[in-house]
């Protein structure tokens, strides 16, 4: 991943959430603080950590997901300009992608079979192509954290990340999703039913991929899935 992008997102979001109150926000703050504690060992192979995680005991409707995210957004409270140094907040005071950024949402659906849950270092890796000479970029996202009881049997865990497209490929303003894979570097096996990859731009447009992995990942047997092609080849502008 791009370390500068990671550090900027975590630092800014930590500042934003420092103004928050409430149990759910405290969980997010603890997650961000854990991320900051690891900064000294941060390398290009480190997975990007989410700034917010939501867990549903069913596969939620889009309305349910948006309502939960809005509740998280409004819990941030009133912010002063110095808490938002690069303008991540929109006019309504929400964490939202600005021009050149995108909000990545990963919906991980854990299967309804015995032992499907995981408390291990689970990751998703995606590949995108940009409009700059066909250059591609790859990012790896952590689907594991200590603040939320995620990836449990028959649940949908939703992970949110904010990234800058230009940090991967300078000058890029568009991308399309190519392929993704899941990985598990622990011995606590995880069975993924399906992964949804949702990219959102500053205009609110969203592009969705459905990746029906329907498989186990478990170290040391099958640590990674094969690459799975996306089902939506549309370009998105940022």
C-alpha atoms as a PDB file:
ATOM      1  CA  UNK A   1       0.000   0.000   0.000  1.00  0.00           C
ATOM      2  CA  UNK A   2       1.008   3.668  -0.080  1.00  0.00           C
ATOM      3  CA  UNK A   3       2.302   4.432   3.426  1.00  0.00           C
ATOM      4  CA  UNK A   4       1.840   8.199   3.105  1.00  0.00           C
ATOM      5  CA  UNK A   5      -1.811   7.714   2.250  1.00  0.00           C
ATOM      6  CA  UNK A   6      -2.285   5.425   5.256  1.00  0.00           C
ATOM      7  CA  UNK A   7      -0.634   7.796   7.696  1.00  0.00           C
ATOM      8  CA  UNK A   8      -2.554  10.826   6.458  1.00  0.00           C
ATOM      9  CA  UNK A   9      -5.919   9.072   6.706  1.00  0.00           C
ATOM     10  CA  UNK A  10      -5.283   7.623  10.153  1.00  0.00           C
ATOM     11  CA  UNK A  11      -3.898  10.860  11.596  1.00  0.00           C
ATOM     12  CA  UNK A  12      -6.716  13.019  10.277  1.00  0.00           C
ATOM     13  CA  UNK A  13      -9.436  10.592  11.274  1.00  0.00           C
ATOM     14  CA  UNK A  14      -7.901  10.285  14.715  1.00  0.00           C
ATOM     15  CA  UNK A  15      -8.161  14.056  15.086  1.00  0.00           C
ATOM     16  CA  UNK A  16     -11.738  14.041  13.880  1.00  0.00           C
ATOM     17  CA  UNK A  17     -12.826  11.283  16.222  1.00  0.00           C
ATOM     18  CA  UNK A  18     -11.119  12.914  19.200  1.00  0.00           C
ATOM     19  CA  UNK A  19     -14.087  15.263  19.289  1.00  0.00           C
ATOM     20  CA  UNK A  20     -16.560  12.375  19.529  1.00  0.00           C
ATOM     21  CA  UNK A  21     -18.491  10.869  22.391  1.00  0.00           C
ATOM     22  CA  UNK A  22     -20.364   7.559  22.651  1.00  0.00           C
ATOM     23  CA  UNK A  23     -19.486   3.884  22.848  1.00  0.00           C
ATOM     24  CA  UNK A  24     -19.479   3.208  19.086  1.00  0.00           C
ATOM     25  CA  UNK A  25     -17.139   6.109  18.426  1.00  0.00           C
ATOM     26  CA  UNK A  26     -14.903   5.038  21.311  1.00  0.00           C
ATOM     27  CA  UNK A  27     -14.470   1.687  19.551  1.00  0.00           C
ATOM     28  CA  UNK A  28     -13.421   3.481  16.357  1.00  0.00           C
ATOM     29  CA  UNK A  29     -11.031   5.689  18.303  1.00  0.00           C
ATOM     30  CA  UNK A  30      -9.432   2.668  19.975  1.00  0.00           C
ATOM     31  CA  UNK A  31      -8.961   1.081  16.559  1.00  0.00           C
ATOM     32  CA  UNK A  32      -7.289   4.217  15.215  1.00  0.00           C
ATOM     33  CA  UNK A  33      -5.035   4.463  18.259  1.00  0.00           C
ATOM     34  CA  UNK A  34      -3.972   0.840  17.751  1.00  0.00           C
ATOM     35  CA  UNK A  35      -3.084   1.745  14.173  1.00  0.00           C
ATOM     36  CA  UNK A  36      -1.028   4.733  15.285  1.00  0.00           C
ATOM     37  CA  UNK A  37       0.865   2.559  17.777  1.00  0.00           C
ATOM     38  CA  UNK A  38       2.088   0.441  14.853  1.00  0.00           C
ATOM     39  CA  UNK A  39       3.332   3.350  12.733  1.00  0.00           C
ATOM     40  CA  UNK A  40       7.020   2.807  13.523  1.00  0.00           C
ATOM     41  CA  UNK A  41       6.912  -0.606  11.850  1.00  0.00           C
ATOM     42  CA  UNK A  42       4.725   0.479   8.954  1.00  0.00           C
ATOM     43  CA  UNK A  43       5.928  -0.923   5.644  1.00  0.00           C
ATOM     44  CA  UNK A  44       4.641  -1.019   2.094  1.00  0.00           C
ATOM     45  CA  UNK A  45       3.253  -4.516   2.721  1.00  0.00           C
ATOM     46  CA  UNK A  46       1.048  -3.374   5.617  1.00  0.00           C
ATOM     47  CA  UNK A  47      -2.699  -3.634   5.104  1.00  0.00           C
ATOM     48  CA  UNK A  48      -4.818  -0.486   5.192  1.00  0.00           C
ATOM     49  CA  UNK A  49      -7.007  -0.360   8.274  1.00  0.00           C
ATOM     50  CA  UNK A  50     -10.634   0.828   8.289  1.00  0.00           C
ATOM     51  CA  UNK A  51     -11.734   4.063   9.939  1.00  0.00           C
ATOM     52  CA  UNK A  52     -15.151   2.587  10.736  1.00  0.00           C
ATOM     53  CA  UNK A  53     -16.632  -0.919  10.971  1.00  0.00           C
ATOM     54  CA  UNK A  54     -20.307  -1.916  11.179  1.00  0.00           C
ATOM     55  CA  UNK A  55     -21.608  -5.434  11.833  1.00  0.00           C
ATOM     56  CA  UNK A  56     -25.092  -6.736  10.996  1.00  0.00           C
ATOM     57  CA  UNK A  57     -26.517 -10.107  12.054  1.00  0.00           C
ATOM     58  CA  UNK A  58     -28.067 -10.432   8.602  1.00  0.00           C
ATOM     59  CA  UNK A  59     -27.339  -9.216   5.085  1.00  0.00           C
ATOM     60  CA  UNK A  60     -28.597  -5.633   5.436  1.00  0.00           C
ATOM     61  CA  UNK A  61     -30.459  -3.485   2.961  1.00  0.00           C
ATOM     62  CA  UNK A  62     -28.692  -0.450   1.552  1.00  0.00           C
ATOM     63  CA  UNK A  63     -31.053   1.714   3.603  1.00  0.00           C
ATOM     64  CA  UNK A  64     -29.912   0.007   6.818  1.00  0.00           C
ATOM     65  CA  UNK A  65     -26.261   0.461   5.913  1.00  0.00           C
ATOM     66  CA  UNK A  66     -26.711   4.136   5.093  1.00  0.00           C
ATOM     67  CA  UNK A  67     -28.649   4.729   8.319  1.00  0.00           C
ATOM     68  CA  UNK A  68     -25.876   3.164  10.403  1.00  0.00           C
ATOM     69  CA  UNK A  69     -23.182   5.153   8.621  1.00  0.00           C
ATOM     70  CA  UNK A  70     -25.169   8.366   9.056  1.00  0.00           C
ATOM     71  CA  UNK A  71     -25.431   7.653  12.782  1.00  0.00           C
ATOM     72  CA  UNK A  72     -21.660   7.249  12.907  1.00  0.00           C
ATOM     73  CA  UNK A  73     -21.162  10.450  10.926  1.00  0.00           C
ATOM     74  CA  UNK A  74     -23.456  12.537  13.103  1.00  0.00           C
ATOM     75  CA  UNK A  75     -21.788  11.219  16.265  1.00  0.00           C
ATOM     76  CA  UNK A  76     -18.626  13.103  15.295  1.00  0.00           C
ATOM     77  CA  UNK A  77     -20.191  16.314  16.575  1.00  0.00           C
ATOM     78  CA  UNK A  78     -19.188  19.891  15.966  1.00  0.00           C
ATOM     79  CA  UNK A  79     -15.705  20.348  14.552  1.00  0.00           C
ATOM     80  CA  UNK A  80     -13.482  23.372  14.249  1.00  0.00           C
ATOM     81  CA  UNK A  81     -11.288  23.941  11.148  1.00  0.00           C
ATOM     82  CA  UNK A  82      -8.057  22.840  12.816  1.00  0.00           C
ATOM     83  CA  UNK A  83      -9.561  19.389  13.339  1.00  0.00           C
ATOM     84  CA  UNK A  84      -9.996  19.018   9.577  1.00  0.00           C
ATOM     85  CA  UNK A  85      -6.641  20.146   8.160  1.00  0.00           C
ATOM     86  CA  UNK A  86      -7.101  18.925   4.596  1.00  0.00           C
ATOM     87  CA  UNK A  87     -10.843  19.330   4.240  1.00  0.00           C
ATOM     88  CA  UNK A  88     -12.023  15.754   4.551  1.00  0.00           C
ATOM     89  CA  UNK A  89     -15.386  16.885   5.860  1.00  0.00           C
ATOM     90  CA  UNK A  90     -18.137  17.864   3.466  1.00  0.00           C
ATOM     91  CA  UNK A  91     -20.435  20.831   3.857  1.00  0.00           C
ATOM     92  CA  UNK A  92     -22.620  18.877   6.286  1.00  0.00           C
ATOM     93  CA  UNK A  93     -19.670  17.945   8.494  1.00  0.00           C
ATOM     94  CA  UNK A  94     -19.400  14.326   7.417  1.00  0.00           C
ATOM     95  CA  UNK A  95     -16.359  12.217   6.554  1.00  0.00           C
ATOM     96  CA  UNK A  96     -16.693  12.034   2.791  1.00  0.00           C
ATOM     97  CA  UNK A  97     -14.392  11.794  -0.216  1.00  0.00           C
ATOM     98  CA  UNK A  98     -13.199  15.078  -1.658  1.00  0.00           C
ATOM     99  CA  UNK A  99     -12.220  15.524  -5.301  1.00  0.00           C
ATOM    100  CA  UNK A 100      -9.414  13.082  -6.075  1.00  0.00           C
ATOM    101  CA  UNK A 101     -10.376  10.786  -3.194  1.00  0.00           C
ATOM    102  CA  UNK A 102     -12.638   7.773  -2.921  1.00  0.00           C
ATOM    103  CA  UNK A 103     -14.491   6.016  -0.148  1.00  0.00           C
ATOM    104  CA  UNK A 104     -13.992   2.261  -0.365  1.00  0.00           C
ATOM    105  CA  UNK A 105     -16.559   0.062   1.357  1.00  0.00           C
ATOM    106  CA  UNK A 106     -15.963  -3.667   1.749  1.00  0.00           C
ATOM    107  CA  UNK A 107     -18.993  -5.772   2.711  1.00  0.00           C
ATOM    108  CA  UNK A 108     -17.695  -9.142   3.952  1.00  0.00           C
ATOM    109  CA  UNK A 109     -20.415 -11.777   4.283  1.00  0.00           C
ATOM    110  CA  UNK A 110     -19.406 -14.684   6.525  1.00  0.00           C
ATOM    111  CA  UNK A 111     -21.078 -17.976   5.657  1.00  0.00           C
ATOM    112  CA  UNK A 112     -23.746 -19.654   7.786  1.00  0.00           C
ATOM    113  CA  UNK A 113     -21.816 -22.886   8.346  1.00  0.00           C
ATOM    114  CA  UNK A 114     -20.086 -24.374  11.381  1.00  0.00           C
ATOM    115  CA  UNK A 115     -16.732 -22.762  12.183  1.00  0.00           C
ATOM    116  CA  UNK A 116     -17.078 -20.025   9.574  1.00  0.00           C
ATOM    117  CA  UNK A 117     -16.208 -17.237  12.055  1.00  0.00           C
ATOM    118  CA  UNK A 118     -12.698 -15.805  12.246  1.00  0.00           C
ATOM    119  CA  UNK A 119     -10.630 -13.827  14.735  1.00  0.00           C
ATOM    120  CA  UNK A 120      -7.522 -13.799  12.620  1.00  0.00           C
ATOM    121  CA  UNK A 121      -5.568 -11.449  10.305  1.00  0.00           C
ATOM    122  CA  UNK A 122      -7.997 -11.540   7.374  1.00  0.00           C
ATOM    123  CA  UNK A 123      -7.226  -9.378   4.339  1.00  0.00           C
ATOM    124  CA  UNK A 124      -8.765  -8.399   1.029  1.00  0.00           C
ATOM    125  CA  UNK A 125      -6.561  -7.310  -1.868  1.00  0.00           C
ATOM    126  CA  UNK A 126      -7.919  -5.487  -4.891  1.00  0.00           C
ATOM    127  CA  UNK A 127      -6.472  -4.417  -8.239  1.00  0.00           C
ATOM    128  CA  UNK A 128      -7.650  -1.374 -10.163  1.00  0.00           C
ATOM    129  CA  UNK A 129      -6.648   0.099 -13.538  1.00  0.00           C
ATOM    130  CA  UNK A 130      -6.349   3.864 -13.980  1.00  0.00           C
ATOM    131  CA  UNK A 131      -6.696   6.239 -16.912  1.00  0.00           C
ATOM    132  CA  UNK A 132      -2.966   7.082 -16.840  1.00  0.00           C
ATOM    133  CA  UNK A 133      -1.387   4.904 -19.506  1.00  0.00           C
ATOM    134  CA  UNK A 134      -3.298   1.874 -18.296  1.00  0.00           C
ATOM    135  CA  UNK A 135      -1.282   1.839 -15.052  1.00  0.00           C
ATOM    136  CA  UNK A 136      -2.646  -0.397 -12.314  1.00  0.00           C
ATOM    137  CA  UNK A 137      -2.458  -0.233  -8.552  1.00  0.00           C
ATOM    138  CA  UNK A 138      -2.962  -2.810  -5.837  1.00  0.00           C
ATOM    139  CA  UNK A 139      -4.118  -2.216  -2.273  1.00  0.00           C
ATOM    140  CA  UNK A 140      -4.518  -4.635   0.630  1.00  0.00           C
ATOM    141  CA  UNK A 141      -7.186  -3.967   3.261  1.00  0.00           C
ATOM    142  CA  UNK A 142      -7.290  -5.357   6.791  1.00  0.00           C
ATOM    143  CA  UNK A 143     -10.600  -7.050   7.672  1.00  0.00           C
ATOM    144  CA  UNK A 144      -9.558  -7.668  11.254  1.00  0.00           C
ATOM    145  CA  UNK A 145      -9.587  -5.321  14.231  1.00  0.00           C
ATOM    146  CA  UNK A 146      -9.692  -5.451  18.009  1.00  0.00           C
ATOM    147  CA  UNK A 147     -12.492  -2.941  18.493  1.00  0.00           C
ATOM    148  CA  UNK A 148     -15.422  -4.715  16.805  1.00  0.00           C
ATOM    149  CA  UNK A 149     -16.638  -8.335  16.909  1.00  0.00           C
ATOM    150  CA  UNK A 150     -16.630  -8.804  13.151  1.00  0.00           C
ATOM    151  CA  UNK A 151     -16.489 -11.720  10.691  1.00  0.00           C
ATOM    152  CA  UNK A 152     -18.775 -13.899  12.798  1.00  0.00           C
ATOM    153  CA  UNK A 153     -20.890 -16.741  11.411  1.00  0.00           C
ATOM    154  CA  UNK A 154     -23.883 -15.578   9.349  1.00  0.00           C
ATOM    155  CA  UNK A 155     -23.060 -11.867   9.673  1.00  0.00           C
ATOM    156  CA  UNK A 156     -22.178  -9.031   7.323  1.00  0.00           C
ATOM    157  CA  UNK A 157     -19.205  -6.918   8.405  1.00  0.00           C
ATOM    158  CA  UNK A 158     -18.780  -3.586   6.616  1.00  0.00           C
ATOM    159  CA  UNK A 159     -15.393  -1.863   6.536  1.00  0.00           C
ATOM    160  CA  UNK A 160     -14.792   1.749   5.429  1.00  0.00           C
ATOM    161  CA  UNK A 161     -11.556   3.249   4.038  1.00  0.00           C
ATOM    162  CA  UNK A 162     -10.689   6.671   2.578  1.00  0.00           C
ATOM    163  CA  UNK A 163      -7.902   6.851  -0.026  1.00  0.00           C
ATOM    164  CA  UNK A 164      -6.329   9.308  -2.451  1.00  0.00           C
ATOM    165  CA  UNK A 165      -6.180   7.991  -6.004  1.00  0.00           C
ATOM    166  CA  UNK A 166      -3.212  10.190  -6.905  1.00  0.00           C
ATOM    167  CA  UNK A 167      -1.084   8.596  -4.193  1.00  0.00           C
ATOM    168  CA  UNK A 168      -1.149   5.349  -6.163  1.00  0.00           C
ATOM    169  CA  UNK A 169      -0.809   6.725  -9.702  1.00  0.00           C
ATOM    170  CA  UNK A 170       0.019  10.459  -9.946  1.00  0.00           C
ATOM    171  CA  UNK A 171      -2.359  12.286 -12.242  1.00  0.00           C
ATOM    172  CA  UNK A 172      -4.993   9.544 -12.202  1.00  0.00           C
ATOM    173  CA  UNK A 173      -8.587  10.799 -12.171  1.00  0.00           C
ATOM    174  CA  UNK A 174     -10.425   7.601 -13.122  1.00  0.00           C
ATOM    175  CA  UNK A 175     -10.218   3.891 -12.358  1.00  0.00           C
ATOM    176  CA  UNK A 176     -11.993   0.603 -12.912  1.00  0.00           C
ATOM    177  CA  UNK A 177     -11.905  -2.507 -10.747  1.00  0.00           C
ATOM    178  CA  UNK A 178     -10.143  -5.549 -12.172  1.00  0.00           C
ATOM    179  CA  UNK A 179      -9.897  -8.338  -9.591  1.00  0.00           C
ATOM    180  CA  UNK A 180      -9.709  -9.214  -5.918  1.00  0.00           C
ATOM    181  CA  UNK A 181      -8.709 -11.985  -3.533  1.00  0.00           C
ATOM    182  CA  UNK A 182      -9.026 -12.836   0.160  1.00  0.00           C
ATOM    183  CA  UNK A 183      -6.319 -14.105   2.500  1.00  0.00           C
ATOM    184  CA  UNK A 184      -5.979 -15.453   6.034  1.00  0.00           C
ATOM    185  CA  UNK A 185      -2.572 -15.533   7.720  1.00  0.00           C
ATOM    186  CA  UNK A 186      -3.829 -17.195  10.916  1.00  0.00           C
ATOM    187  CA  UNK A 187      -4.928 -20.718  11.826  1.00  0.00           C
ATOM    188  CA  UNK A 188      -8.502 -19.625  12.634  1.00  0.00           C
ATOM    189  CA  UNK A 189     -10.218 -20.528   9.383  1.00  0.00           C
ATOM    190  CA  UNK A 190     -12.711 -18.149   7.766  1.00  0.00           C
ATOM    191  CA  UNK A 191     -15.397 -19.097   5.249  1.00  0.00           C
ATOM    192  CA  UNK A 192     -16.368 -16.155   3.058  1.00  0.00           C
ATOM    193  CA  UNK A 193     -19.691 -16.364   1.276  1.00  0.00           C
ATOM    194  CA  UNK A 194     -19.336 -13.205  -0.811  1.00  0.00           C
ATOM    195  CA  UNK A 195     -17.418  -9.925  -0.782  1.00  0.00           C
ATOM    196  CA  UNK A 196     -18.917  -6.721  -2.115  1.00  0.00           C
ATOM    197  CA  UNK A 197     -16.494  -3.962  -3.151  1.00  0.00           C
ATOM    198  CA  UNK A 198     -18.081  -0.518  -3.341  1.00  0.00           C
ATOM    199  CA  UNK A 199     -16.196   2.566  -4.592  1.00  0.00           C
ATOM    200  CA  UNK A 200     -17.811   5.970  -4.007  1.00  0.00           C
ATOM    201  CA  UNK A 201     -16.640   9.342  -5.387  1.00  0.00           C
ATOM    202  CA  UNK A 202     -17.134  12.902  -4.159  1.00  0.00           C
ATOM    203  CA  UNK A 203     -20.336  13.240  -6.209  1.00  0.00           C
ATOM    204  CA  UNK A 204     -21.918  10.311  -4.351  1.00  0.00           C
ATOM    205  CA  UNK A 205     -21.803   7.889  -7.292  1.00  0.00           C
ATOM    206  CA  UNK A 206     -21.138   4.292  -6.279  1.00  0.00           C
ATOM    207  CA  UNK A 207     -19.809   1.300  -8.229  1.00  0.00           C
ATOM    208  CA  UNK A 208     -20.355  -2.199  -6.825  1.00  0.00           C
ATOM    209  CA  UNK A 209     -18.543  -5.481  -7.408  1.00  0.00           C
ATOM    210  CA  UNK A 210     -19.910  -8.844  -6.279  1.00  0.00           C
ATOM    211  CA  UNK A 211     -17.197 -11.441  -5.632  1.00  0.00           C
ATOM    212  CA  UNK A 212     -18.817 -14.774  -4.578  1.00  0.00           C
ATOM    213  CA  UNK A 213     -15.751 -16.510  -3.126  1.00  0.00           C
ATOM    214  CA  UNK A 214     -17.770 -19.171  -1.224  1.00  0.00           C
ATOM    215  CA  UNK A 215     -14.622 -20.759   0.230  1.00  0.00           C
ATOM    216  CA  UNK A 216     -12.362 -21.260   3.212  1.00  0.00           C
ATOM    217  CA  UNK A 217      -9.082 -19.448   3.753  1.00  0.00           C
ATOM    218  CA  UNK A 218      -7.000 -20.903   6.549  1.00  0.00           C
ATOM    219  CA  UNK A 219      -3.271 -21.059   7.298  1.00  0.00           C
ATOM    220  CA  UNK A 220      -1.276 -23.185   6.607  1.00  0.00           C
ATOM    221  CA  UNK A 221      -3.487 -24.971   4.057  1.00  0.00           C
ATOM    222  CA  UNK A 222      -5.237 -22.404   1.831  1.00  0.00           C
ATOM    223  CA  UNK A 223      -3.925 -19.033   2.947  1.00  0.00           C
ATOM    224  CA  UNK A 224      -5.136 -17.147  -0.136  1.00  0.00           C
ATOM    225  CA  UNK A 225      -7.935 -17.519  -2.639  1.00  0.00           C
ATOM    226  CA  UNK A 226      -7.368 -17.261  -6.350  1.00  0.00           C
ATOM    227  CA  UNK A 227      -7.912 -13.873  -7.955  1.00  0.00           C
ATOM    228  CA  UNK A 228     -11.557 -13.289  -8.848  1.00  0.00           C
ATOM    229  CA  UNK A 229     -12.473 -10.894 -11.642  1.00  0.00           C
ATOM    230  CA  UNK A 230     -14.890  -8.080 -10.952  1.00  0.00           C
ATOM    231  CA  UNK A 231     -18.355  -8.133 -12.489  1.00  0.00           C
ATOM    232  CA  UNK A 232     -18.607  -4.367 -13.070  1.00  0.00           C
ATOM    233  CA  UNK A 233     -16.068  -2.959 -15.556  1.00  0.00           C
ATOM    234  CA  UNK A 234     -17.417   0.596 -15.495  1.00  0.00           C
ATOM    235  CA  UNK A 235     -14.984   3.474 -15.062  1.00  0.00           C
ATOM    236  CA  UNK A 236     -15.467   5.929 -12.209  1.00  0.00           C
ATOM    237  CA  UNK A 237     -14.173   9.507 -12.038  1.00  0.00           C
ATOM    238  CA  UNK A 238     -12.716  11.134  -8.947  1.00  0.00           C
END
